[in-house]
Protein backbone atom coordinates (compact mmCIF):
# COMPACT_ATOMS: atom_id res chain seq x y z
CA UNK A 1 15.71 -53.23 -65.09
CA UNK A 2 17.41 -51.80 -62.03
CA UNK A 3 18.29 -54.05 -59.11
CA UNK A 4 18.96 -52.44 -55.74
CA UNK A 5 20.16 -54.97 -53.22
CA UNK A 6 21.62 -52.49 -50.80
CA UNK A 7 19.99 -49.16 -50.01
CA UNK A 8 22.89 -47.42 -48.32
CA UNK A 9 26.23 -47.25 -50.08
CA UNK A 10 28.10 -44.67 -47.98
CA UNK A 11 29.31 -43.09 -51.23
CA UNK A 12 27.38 -39.90 -50.52
CA UNK A 13 28.60 -39.37 -46.98
CA UNK A 14 31.05 -36.71 -48.14
CA UNK A 15 28.36 -34.57 -49.78
CA UNK A 16 28.97 -35.91 -53.29
CA UNK A 17 26.67 -38.03 -55.44
CA UNK A 18 26.85 -39.80 -58.77
CA UNK A 19 25.06 -38.60 -61.89
CA UNK A 20 24.01 -40.38 -65.06
CA UNK A 21 27.39 -40.34 -66.79
CA UNK A 22 29.11 -41.85 -63.73
CA UNK A 23 30.80 -38.63 -62.64
CA UNK A 24 30.41 -37.28 -59.12
CA UNK A 25 29.12 -33.84 -58.20
CA UNK A 26 28.25 -31.96 -55.03
CA UNK A 27 24.78 -32.60 -53.66
CA UNK A 28 24.45 -28.79 -53.88
CA UNK A 29 24.92 -28.89 -57.66
CA UNK A 30 21.95 -27.36 -59.48
CA UNK A 31 21.48 -30.64 -61.35
CA UNK A 32 20.89 -32.44 -58.05
CA UNK A 33 18.66 -29.67 -56.67
CA UNK A 34 16.50 -29.70 -59.82
CA UNK A 35 16.27 -33.48 -59.75
CA UNK A 36 15.27 -33.35 -56.09
CA UNK A 37 12.48 -30.89 -56.84
CA UNK A 38 11.19 -33.13 -59.63
CA UNK A 39 11.29 -36.05 -57.19
CA UNK A 40 9.33 -33.98 -54.67
CA UNK A 41 6.74 -33.21 -57.36
CA UNK A 42 6.45 -36.93 -58.02
CA UNK A 43 5.93 -37.57 -54.29
CA UNK A 44 3.07 -35.08 -54.17
CA UNK A 45 1.49 -36.75 -57.18
CA UNK A 46 1.58 -39.94 -55.13
CA UNK A 47 -0.29 -38.14 -52.36
CA UNK A 48 -2.83 -36.84 -54.87
CA UNK A 49 -3.34 -40.38 -56.19
CA UNK A 50 -4.94 -41.48 -52.91
CA UNK A 51 -7.56 -38.71 -53.19
CA UNK A 52 -8.61 -38.74 -56.85
CA UNK A 53 -10.96 -40.99 -58.82
CA UNK A 54 -9.65 -44.02 -60.70
CA UNK A 55 -9.47 -42.24 -64.07
CA UNK A 56 -7.37 -39.41 -62.67
CA UNK A 57 -5.28 -41.89 -60.69
CA UNK A 58 -4.36 -43.77 -63.87
CA UNK A 59 -3.33 -40.49 -65.50
CA UNK A 60 -1.31 -39.38 -62.47
CA UNK A 61 0.45 -42.75 -62.28
CA UNK A 62 1.46 -42.42 -65.94
CA UNK A 63 2.72 -38.90 -65.23
CA UNK A 64 4.73 -40.26 -62.30
CA UNK A 65 6.49 -42.60 -64.73
CA UNK A 66 7.33 -39.66 -67.01
CA UNK A 67 8.53 -37.58 -64.05
CA UNK A 68 10.98 -40.35 -63.25
CA UNK A 69 12.17 -39.99 -66.86
CA UNK A 70 12.50 -36.23 -66.28
CA UNK A 71 14.68 -36.91 -63.24
CA UNK A 72 16.86 -39.30 -65.23
CA UNK A 73 17.08 -36.79 -68.08
CA UNK A 74 18.24 -34.10 -65.65
CA UNK A 75 20.94 -36.28 -64.10
CA UNK A 76 22.35 -37.38 -67.47
CA UNK A 77 24.44 -34.65 -69.11
CA UNK A 78 22.85 -33.80 -72.45
CA UNK A 79 24.62 -33.55 -75.78
CA UNK A 80 22.21 -32.77 -78.62
CA UNK A 81 24.80 -34.00 -81.14
CA UNK A 82 25.46 -37.35 -79.46
CA UNK A 83 25.10 -40.33 -81.78
CA UNK A 84 24.17 -42.66 -78.94
CA UNK A 85 22.34 -41.77 -75.74
CA UNK A 86 21.32 -44.39 -73.20
CA UNK A 87 19.41 -41.99 -70.93
CA UNK A 88 15.63 -41.61 -71.00
CA UNK A 89 14.83 -38.26 -72.60
CA UNK A 90 11.73 -36.11 -72.58
CA UNK A 91 10.64 -35.47 -76.15
CA UNK A 92 8.13 -33.32 -77.98
CA UNK A 93 5.68 -36.24 -77.97
CA UNK A 94 5.56 -36.14 -74.15
CA UNK A 95 4.66 -32.45 -74.23
CA UNK A 96 2.05 -33.05 -76.94
CA UNK A 97 0.51 -35.80 -74.79
CA UNK A 98 0.25 -33.41 -71.81
CA UNK A 99 -1.35 -30.75 -74.03
CA UNK A 100 -3.94 -33.25 -75.25
CA UNK A 101 -4.74 -34.18 -71.64
CA UNK A 102 -5.05 -30.50 -70.67
CA UNK A 103 -7.48 -29.92 -73.56
CA UNK A 104 -9.47 -33.06 -72.67
CA UNK A 105 -9.87 -32.16 -69.00
CA UNK A 106 -10.34 -28.43 -69.56
CA UNK A 107 -13.09 -29.11 -72.11
CA UNK A 108 -15.38 -30.34 -69.33
CA UNK A 109 -14.77 -27.48 -66.90
CA UNK A 110 -16.90 -24.47 -66.19
CA UNK A 111 -15.43 -21.17 -67.39
CA UNK A 112 -13.05 -19.37 -65.04
CA UNK A 113 -14.57 -16.12 -63.80
CA UNK A 114 -11.95 -15.36 -61.16
CA UNK A 115 -8.61 -16.52 -59.91
CA UNK A 116 -9.05 -19.50 -57.63
CA UNK A 117 -7.52 -20.45 -54.33
CA UNK A 118 -6.02 -23.88 -53.67
CA UNK A 119 -8.59 -26.05 -51.98
CA UNK A 120 -12.17 -27.16 -52.30
CA UNK A 121 -11.81 -30.82 -51.42
CA UNK A 122 -8.91 -33.12 -50.50
CA UNK A 123 -8.24 -34.19 -54.09
CA UNK A 124 -8.17 -30.63 -55.42
CA UNK A 125 -6.02 -29.43 -52.53
CA UNK A 126 -3.51 -32.26 -53.09
CA UNK A 127 -3.38 -31.50 -56.82
CA UNK A 128 -2.79 -27.80 -56.10
CA UNK A 129 0.12 -28.68 -53.80
CA UNK A 130 1.55 -30.92 -56.53
CA UNK A 131 1.09 -28.06 -59.01
CA UNK A 132 2.92 -25.54 -56.85
CA UNK A 133 5.82 -27.94 -56.20
CA UNK A 134 5.97 -28.62 -59.95
CA UNK A 135 6.25 -24.86 -60.57
CA UNK A 136 9.18 -24.71 -58.14
CA UNK A 137 10.81 -27.67 -59.89
CA UNK A 138 10.42 -25.74 -63.14
CA UNK A 139 12.28 -22.79 -61.59
CA UNK A 140 15.06 -25.06 -60.33
CA UNK A 141 15.39 -26.52 -63.83
CA UNK A 142 15.48 -22.98 -65.24
CA UNK A 143 18.38 -22.15 -62.91
CA UNK A 144 20.15 -25.32 -64.04
CA UNK A 145 19.49 -24.45 -67.68
CA UNK A 146 21.16 -21.07 -67.09
CA UNK A 147 24.40 -22.80 -66.11
CA UNK A 148 24.48 -26.14 -67.91
CA UNK A 149 23.21 -27.57 -71.18
CA UNK A 150 20.11 -29.67 -70.61
CA UNK A 151 17.34 -31.05 -72.76
CA UNK A 152 15.08 -28.04 -73.50
CA UNK A 153 11.98 -30.26 -73.52
CA UNK A 154 12.28 -30.68 -69.75
CA UNK A 155 11.25 -27.05 -69.12
CA UNK A 156 8.33 -27.28 -71.51
CA UNK A 157 7.17 -30.58 -70.01
CA UNK A 158 7.18 -29.18 -66.45
CA UNK A 159 5.37 -26.03 -67.58
CA UNK A 160 2.62 -28.08 -69.23
CA UNK A 161 2.46 -30.47 -66.29
CA UNK A 162 1.70 -27.68 -63.85
CA UNK A 163 -1.07 -26.52 -66.22
CA UNK A 164 -2.49 -30.05 -66.31
CA UNK A 165 -2.41 -30.29 -62.52
CA UNK A 166 -4.31 -27.00 -62.34
CA UNK A 167 -7.13 -28.25 -64.58
CA UNK A 168 -7.17 -31.60 -62.78
CA UNK A 169 -7.63 -29.74 -59.48
CA UNK A 170 -10.55 -27.85 -60.98
CA UNK A 171 -11.98 -31.09 -62.33
CA UNK A 172 -11.74 -32.62 -58.85
CA UNK A 173 -13.81 -29.67 -57.57
CA UNK A 174 -16.89 -30.90 -59.45
CA UNK A 175 -15.72 -29.59 -62.80
CA UNK A 176 -14.81 -26.23 -61.31
CA UNK A 177 -18.23 -25.65 -59.72
CA UNK A 178 -16.75 -25.95 -56.22
CA UNK A 179 -13.58 -23.95 -56.85
CA UNK A 180 -12.71 -21.55 -54.07
CA UNK A 181 -12.81 -18.13 -55.73
CA UNK A 182 -10.41 -15.33 -54.87
CA UNK A 183 -12.20 -12.28 -53.51
CA UNK A 184 -9.78 -9.33 -53.49
CA UNK A 185 -9.86 -7.16 -50.40
CA UNK A 186 -11.53 -3.98 -51.54
CA UNK A 187 -10.98 -2.03 -48.32
């Protein structure tokens, strides 16, 4: 359990922040940028929660918990050979769970006959925003992965999460029946 008695510490006033192993890095470090994008994704899931039905809300709230784990995983330097690791880590089982949820939700959707535009109703629009922010978080993690060793399951998790958010948005649009279809300009 974490106890936060004081919200401001003044320790970041110089543009540095602490990471999971206790070391300090620039707030411009790719690890901090990636973690911030994951946090932003989590915030948009919170927005989506106020628009979706109770079943989807329960799922999104569970995903929010896992996204917090993703953020912790990012901020804790990763050593695949470490004997002891006190940081929460994203594992294959988390990805498998997302894949099962994608299959469950997608099984009830109408077939895609076109690309779709973000929108339809408030729930679908909020889920599409969360999806697009999740895709950006994935890119920030990819940049981080190019420079530092991180848990490879993080990338896979974020990729699957954006897929799940896509099918949840379609589900929110009456199972895809009210999706806004892309109509290419033929002129």
